[in-house]
PDB file of N, CA and C in Angstrom:
ATOM      1  N   MET A   1      87.350 -30.662  63.850  1.00  0.00           N
ATOM      2  CA  MET A   1      88.090 -31.835  63.423  1.00  0.00           C
ATOM      3  C   MET A   1      89.195 -32.101  64.436  1.00  0.00           C
ATOM      4  N   ALA A   2      89.269 -33.323  64.957  1.00  0.00           N
ATOM      5  CA  ALA A   2      90.261 -33.657  65.972  1.00  0.00           C
ATOM      6  C   ALA A   2      91.614 -33.894  65.324  1.00  0.00           C
ATOM      7  N   VAL A   3      92.587 -33.093  65.748  1.00  0.00           N
ATOM      8  CA  VAL A   3      93.947 -33.217  65.239  1.00  0.00           C
ATOM      9  C   VAL A   3      94.881 -33.315  66.435  1.00  0.00           C
ATOM     10  N   PRO A   4      95.792 -34.318  66.455  1.00  0.00           N
ATOM     11  CA  PRO A   4      96.715 -34.412  67.578  1.00  0.00           C
ATOM     12  C   PRO A   4      97.629 -33.193  67.657  1.00  0.00           C
ATOM     13  N   LYS A   5      97.863 -32.730  68.897  1.00  0.00           N
ATOM     14  CA  LYS A   5      98.701 -31.553  69.093  1.00  0.00           C
ATOM     15  C   LYS A   5     100.170 -31.854  68.847  1.00  0.00           C
ATOM     16  N   SER A   6     100.575 -33.092  69.161  1.00  0.00           N
ATOM     17  CA  SER A   6     101.960 -33.475  68.910  1.00  0.00           C
ATOM     18  C   SER A   6     102.030 -34.955  68.587  1.00  0.00           C
ATOM     19  N   LYS A   7     103.168 -35.376  68.032  1.00  0.00           N
ATOM     20  CA  LYS A   7     103.342 -36.763  67.627  1.00  0.00           C
ATOM     21  C   LYS A   7     103.409 -37.683  68.847  1.00  0.00           C
ATOM     22  N   VAL A   8     102.750 -38.816  68.756  1.00  0.00           N
ATOM     23  CA  VAL A   8     102.837 -39.837  69.799  1.00  0.00           C
ATOM     24  C   VAL A   8     103.939 -40.798  69.377  1.00  0.00           C
ATOM     25  N   SER A   9     104.922 -40.978  70.260  1.00  0.00           N
ATOM     26  CA  SER A   9     106.057 -41.837  69.922  1.00  0.00           C
ATOM     27  C   SER A   9     105.627 -43.295  69.820  1.00  0.00           C
ATOM     28  N   LYS A  10     106.449 -44.092  69.155  1.00  0.00           N
ATOM     29  CA  LYS A  10     106.147 -45.518  69.002  1.00  0.00           C
ATOM     30  C   LYS A  10     106.082 -46.207  70.357  1.00  0.00           C
ATOM     31  N   GLN A  11     106.954 -45.813  71.267  1.00  0.00           N
ATOM     32  CA  GLN A  11     106.984 -46.426  72.599  1.00  0.00           C
ATOM     33  C   GLN A  11     105.688 -46.133  73.368  1.00  0.00           C
ATOM     34  N   ARG A  12     105.239 -44.888  73.333  1.00  0.00           N
ATOM     35  CA  ARG A  12     104.008 -44.519  74.038  1.00  0.00           C
ATOM     36  C   ARG A  12     102.798 -45.216  73.413  1.00  0.00           C
ATOM     37  N   ARG A  13     102.761 -45.261  72.080  1.00  0.00           N
ATOM     38  CA  ARG A  13     101.673 -45.940  71.383  1.00  0.00           C
ATOM     39  C   ARG A  13     101.641 -47.425  71.742  1.00  0.00           C
ATOM     40  N   ASN A  14     102.791 -48.075  71.761  1.00  0.00           N
ATOM     41  CA  ASN A  14     102.857 -49.501  72.066  1.00  0.00           C
ATOM     42  C   ASN A  14     102.540 -49.786  73.527  1.00  0.00           C
ATOM     43  N   LYS A  15     102.897 -48.864  74.428  1.00  0.00           N
ATOM     44  CA  LYS A  15     102.533 -49.034  75.842  1.00  0.00           C
ATOM     45  C   LYS A  15     101.019 -49.043  76.009  1.00  0.00           C
ATOM     46  N   ARG A  16     100.355 -48.168  75.278  1.00  0.00           N
ATOM     47  CA  ARG A  16      98.900 -48.081  75.357  1.00  0.00           C
ATOM     48  C   ARG A  16      98.245 -49.340  74.803  1.00  0.00           C
ATOM     49  N   ARG A  17      98.812 -49.916  73.781  1.00  0.00           N
ATOM     50  CA  ARG A  17      98.219 -51.089  73.135  1.00  0.00           C
ATOM     51  C   ARG A  17      98.550 -52.407  73.831  1.00  0.00           C
ATOM     52  N   SER A  18      99.517 -52.388  74.745  1.00  0.00           N
ATOM     53  CA  SER A  18      99.922 -53.636  75.386  1.00  0.00           C
ATOM     54  C   SER A  18      98.844 -54.133  76.329  1.00  0.00           C
ATOM     55  N   SER A  19      98.882 -55.419  76.621  1.00  0.00           N
ATOM     56  CA  SER A  19      97.879 -56.020  77.502  1.00  0.00           C
ATOM     57  C   SER A  19      98.418 -56.231  78.907  1.00  0.00           C
ATOM     58  N   VAL A  20      99.598 -55.719  79.216  1.00  0.00           N
ATOM     59  CA  VAL A  20     100.214 -55.926  80.521  1.00  0.00           C
ATOM     60  C   VAL A  20      99.458 -55.191  81.615  1.00  0.00           C
ATOM     61  N   TRP A  21      98.955 -54.007  81.334  1.00  0.00           N
ATOM     62  CA  TRP A  21      98.324 -53.170  82.357  1.00  0.00           C
ATOM     63  C   TRP A  21      96.863 -53.509  82.589  1.00  0.00           C
ATOM     64  N   LYS A  22      96.285 -54.380  81.754  1.00  0.00           N
ATOM     65  CA  LYS A  22      94.849 -54.649  81.850  1.00  0.00           C
ATOM     66  C   LYS A  22      94.519 -55.461  83.090  1.00  0.00           C
ATOM     67  N   LEU A  23      93.255 -55.505  83.442  1.00  0.00           N
ATOM     68  CA  LEU A  23      92.798 -56.177  84.654  1.00  0.00           C
ATOM     69  C   LEU A  23      93.067 -57.669  84.610  1.00  0.00           C
ATOM     70  N   GLU A  24      93.200 -58.249  85.793  1.00  0.00           N
ATOM     71  CA  GLU A  24      93.426 -59.683  85.898  1.00  0.00           C
ATOM     72  C   GLU A  24      92.096 -60.424  85.782  1.00  0.00           C
ATOM     73  N   ASN A  25      92.174 -61.740  85.748  1.00  0.00           N
ATOM     74  CA  ASN A  25      90.966 -62.557  85.703  1.00  0.00           C
ATOM     75  C   ASN A  25      90.162 -62.350  86.975  1.00  0.00           C
ATOM     76  N   PRO A  26      88.833 -62.423  86.888  1.00  0.00           N
ATOM     77  CA  PRO A  26      88.012 -62.232  88.087  1.00  0.00           C
ATOM     78  C   PRO A  26      88.217 -63.373  89.080  1.00  0.00           C
ATOM     79  N   SER A  27      88.042 -63.062  90.356  1.00  0.00           N
ATOM     80  CA  SER A  27      88.176 -64.093  91.378  1.00  0.00           C
ATOM     81  C   SER A  27      86.956 -65.007  91.330  1.00  0.00           C
ATOM     82  N   VAL A  28      87.146 -66.242  91.772  1.00  0.00           N
ATOM     83  CA  VAL A  28      86.071 -67.229  91.748  1.00  0.00           C
ATOM     84  C   VAL A  28      85.846 -67.724  93.167  1.00  0.00           C
ATOM     85  N   ASN A  29      84.598 -67.701  93.609  1.00  0.00           N
ATOM     86  CA  ASN A  29      84.222 -68.204  94.920  1.00  0.00           C
ATOM     87  C   ASN A  29      83.502 -69.526  94.754  1.00  0.00           C
ATOM     88  N   THR A  30      83.357 -70.245  95.864  1.00  0.00           N
ATOM     89  CA  THR A  30      82.578 -71.476  95.832  1.00  0.00           C
ATOM     90  C   THR A  30      81.207 -71.217  96.439  1.00  0.00           C
ATOM     91  N   CYS A  31      80.208 -71.858  95.897  1.00  0.00           N
ATOM     92  CA  CYS A  31      78.843 -71.723  96.404  1.00  0.00           C
ATOM     93  C   CYS A  31      78.764 -72.433  97.756  1.00  0.00           C
ATOM     94  N   PRO A  32      78.222 -71.778  98.788  1.00  0.00           N
ATOM     95  CA  PRO A  32      78.157 -72.426 100.104  1.00  0.00           C
ATOM     96  C   PRO A  32      77.173 -73.588 100.152  1.00  0.00           C
ATOM     97  N   LYS A  33      76.203 -73.627  99.235  1.00  0.00           N
ATOM     98  CA  LYS A  33      75.206 -74.694  99.262  1.00  0.00           C
ATOM     99  C   LYS A  33      75.658 -75.928  98.478  1.00  0.00           C
ATOM    100  N   CYS A  34      76.064 -75.733  97.203  1.00  0.00           N
ATOM    101  CA  CYS A  34      76.398 -76.894  96.368  1.00  0.00           C
ATOM    102  C   CYS A  34      77.894 -77.055  96.134  1.00  0.00           C
ATOM    103  N   GLY A  35      78.707 -76.036  96.414  1.00  0.00           N
ATOM    104  CA  GLY A  35      80.150 -76.134  96.258  1.00  0.00           C
ATOM    105  C   GLY A  35      80.653 -75.865  94.854  1.00  0.00           C
ATOM    106  N   ALA A  36      79.787 -75.452  93.949  1.00  0.00           N
ATOM    107  CA  ALA A  36      80.200 -75.151  92.581  1.00  0.00           C
ATOM    108  C   ALA A  36      80.928 -73.808  92.534  1.00  0.00           C
ATOM    109  N   ALA A  37      81.788 -73.634  91.542  1.00  0.00           N
ATOM    110  CA  ALA A  37      82.512 -72.375  91.368  1.00  0.00           C
ATOM    111  C   ALA A  37      81.566 -71.333  90.783  1.00  0.00           C
ATOM    112  N   ARG A  38      81.620 -70.111  91.329  1.00  0.00           N
ATOM    113  CA  ARG A  38      80.775 -69.026  90.835  1.00  0.00           C
ATOM    114  C   ARG A  38      81.494 -67.706  91.048  1.00  0.00           C
ATOM    115  N   LEU A  39      81.070 -66.687  90.338  1.00  0.00           N
ATOM    116  CA  LEU A  39      81.610 -65.350  90.514  1.00  0.00           C
ATOM    117  C   LEU A  39      81.017 -64.733  91.773  1.00  0.00           C
ATOM    118  N   PRO A  40      81.773 -63.877  92.470  1.00  0.00           N
ATOM    119  CA  PRO A  40      81.221 -63.248  93.664  1.00  0.00           C
ATOM    120  C   PRO A  40      80.060 -62.313  93.327  1.00  0.00           C
ATOM    121  N   HIS A  41      79.083 -62.237  94.205  1.00  0.00           N
ATOM    122  CA  HIS A  41      77.903 -61.387  94.061  1.00  0.00           C
ATOM    123  C   HIS A  41      77.064 -61.765  92.847  1.00  0.00           C
ATOM    124  N   ARG A  42      77.052 -63.059  92.506  1.00  0.00           N
ATOM    125  CA  ARG A  42      76.239 -63.564  91.405  1.00  0.00           C
ATOM    126  C   ARG A  42      75.445 -64.772  91.884  1.00  0.00           C
ATOM    127  N   VAL A  43      74.350 -65.057  91.204  1.00  0.00           N
ATOM    128  CA  VAL A  43      73.553 -66.239  91.494  1.00  0.00           C
ATOM    129  C   VAL A  43      74.319 -67.464  91.010  1.00  0.00           C
ATOM    130  N   CYS A  44      74.303 -68.525  91.810  1.00  0.00           N
ATOM    131  CA  CYS A  44      74.962 -69.772  91.423  1.00  0.00           C
ATOM    132  C   CYS A  44      74.205 -70.378  90.250  1.00  0.00           C
ATOM    133  N   SER A  45      74.929 -70.762  89.195  1.00  0.00           N
ATOM    134  CA  SER A  45      74.266 -71.297  88.005  1.00  0.00           C
ATOM    135  C   SER A  45      73.819 -72.735  88.188  1.00  0.00           C
ATOM    136  N   LYS A  46      74.348 -73.426  89.182  1.00  0.00           N
ATOM    137  CA  LYS A  46      73.975 -74.829  89.409  1.00  0.00           C
ATOM    138  C   LYS A  46      72.711 -74.950  90.259  1.00  0.00           C
ATOM    139  N   CYS A  47      72.685 -74.273  91.423  1.00  0.00           N
ATOM    140  CA  CYS A  47      71.556 -74.441  92.340  1.00  0.00           C
ATOM    141  C   CYS A  47      70.646 -73.211  92.408  1.00  0.00           C
ATOM    142  N   MET A  48      70.988 -72.146  91.666  1.00  0.00           N
ATOM    143  CA  MET A  48      70.188 -70.917  91.598  1.00  0.00           C
ATOM    144  C   MET A  48      69.939 -70.292  92.969  1.00  0.00           C
ATOM    145  N   ASN A  49      70.955 -70.315  93.832  1.00  0.00           N
ATOM    146  CA  ASN A  49      70.854 -69.709  95.153  1.00  0.00           C
ATOM    147  C   ASN A  49      71.744 -68.487  95.229  1.00  0.00           C
ATOM    148  N   TYR A  50      71.302 -67.510  96.017  1.00  0.00           N
ATOM    149  CA  TYR A  50      72.103 -66.326  96.299  1.00  0.00           C
ATOM    150  C   TYR A  50      71.837 -65.899  97.718  1.00  0.00           C
ATOM    151  N   ASP A  51      72.887 -65.733  98.484  1.00  0.00           N
ATOM    152  CA  ASP A  51      72.798 -65.253  99.871  1.00  0.00           C
ATOM    153  C   ASP A  51      71.904 -66.146 100.733  1.00  0.00           C
ATOM    154  N   GLY A  52      71.977 -67.461 100.475  1.00  0.00           N
ATOM    155  CA  GLY A  52      71.276 -68.405 101.319  1.00  0.00           C
ATOM    156  C   GLY A  52      69.848 -68.726 100.954  1.00  0.00           C
ATOM    157  N   HIS A  53      69.285 -68.094  99.927  1.00  0.00           N
ATOM    158  CA  HIS A  53      67.923 -68.453  99.539  1.00  0.00           C
ATOM    159  C   HIS A  53      67.815 -68.597  98.020  1.00  0.00           C
ATOM    160  N   GLU A  54      66.816 -69.355  97.574  1.00  0.00           N
ATOM    161  CA  GLU A  54      66.634 -69.646  96.161  1.00  0.00           C
ATOM    162  C   GLU A  54      66.059 -68.417  95.456  1.00  0.00           C
ATOM    163  N   VAL A  55      66.698 -68.008  94.383  1.00  0.00           N
ATOM    164  CA  VAL A  55      66.283 -66.822  93.660  1.00  0.00           C
ATOM    165  C   VAL A  55      65.398 -67.204  92.479  1.00  0.00           C
ATOM    166  N   VAL A  56      65.826 -68.190  91.712  1.00  0.00           N
ATOM    167  CA  VAL A  56      65.090 -68.638  90.534  1.00  0.00           C
ATOM    168  C   VAL A  56      64.764 -70.102  90.744  1.00  0.00           C
ATOM    169  N   ALA A  57      63.566 -70.512  90.395  1.00  0.00           N
ATOM    170  CA  ALA A  57      63.179 -71.919  90.550  1.00  0.00           C
ATOM    171  C   ALA A  57      64.053 -72.768  89.644  1.00  0.00           C
ATOM    172  N   SER A  58      64.764 -73.756  90.220  1.00  0.00           N
ATOM    173  CA  SER A  58      65.651 -74.605  89.443  1.00  0.00           C
ATOM    174  C   SER A  58      64.852 -75.652  88.691  1.00  0.00           C
ATOM    175  N   LYS A  59      65.413 -76.103  87.584  1.00  0.00           N
ATOM    176  CA  LYS A  59      64.718 -77.076  86.727  1.00  0.00           C
ATOM    177  C   LYS A  59      64.941 -78.482  87.225  1.00  0.00           C
TER     178      LYS A  59
END
């Protein structure tokens, strides 16, 4: 049975629960073919291109 060895203070508990230390928003790149905003290292959702060639046939 897991039992804490000592009391965790309110300050330490609140530091852990705060959102200040969490990661920032991901960076956004522009697609070199269509210019739409996309996440880095992802297929563009507009033109379905990645690294200069078409990955999925666009509709």
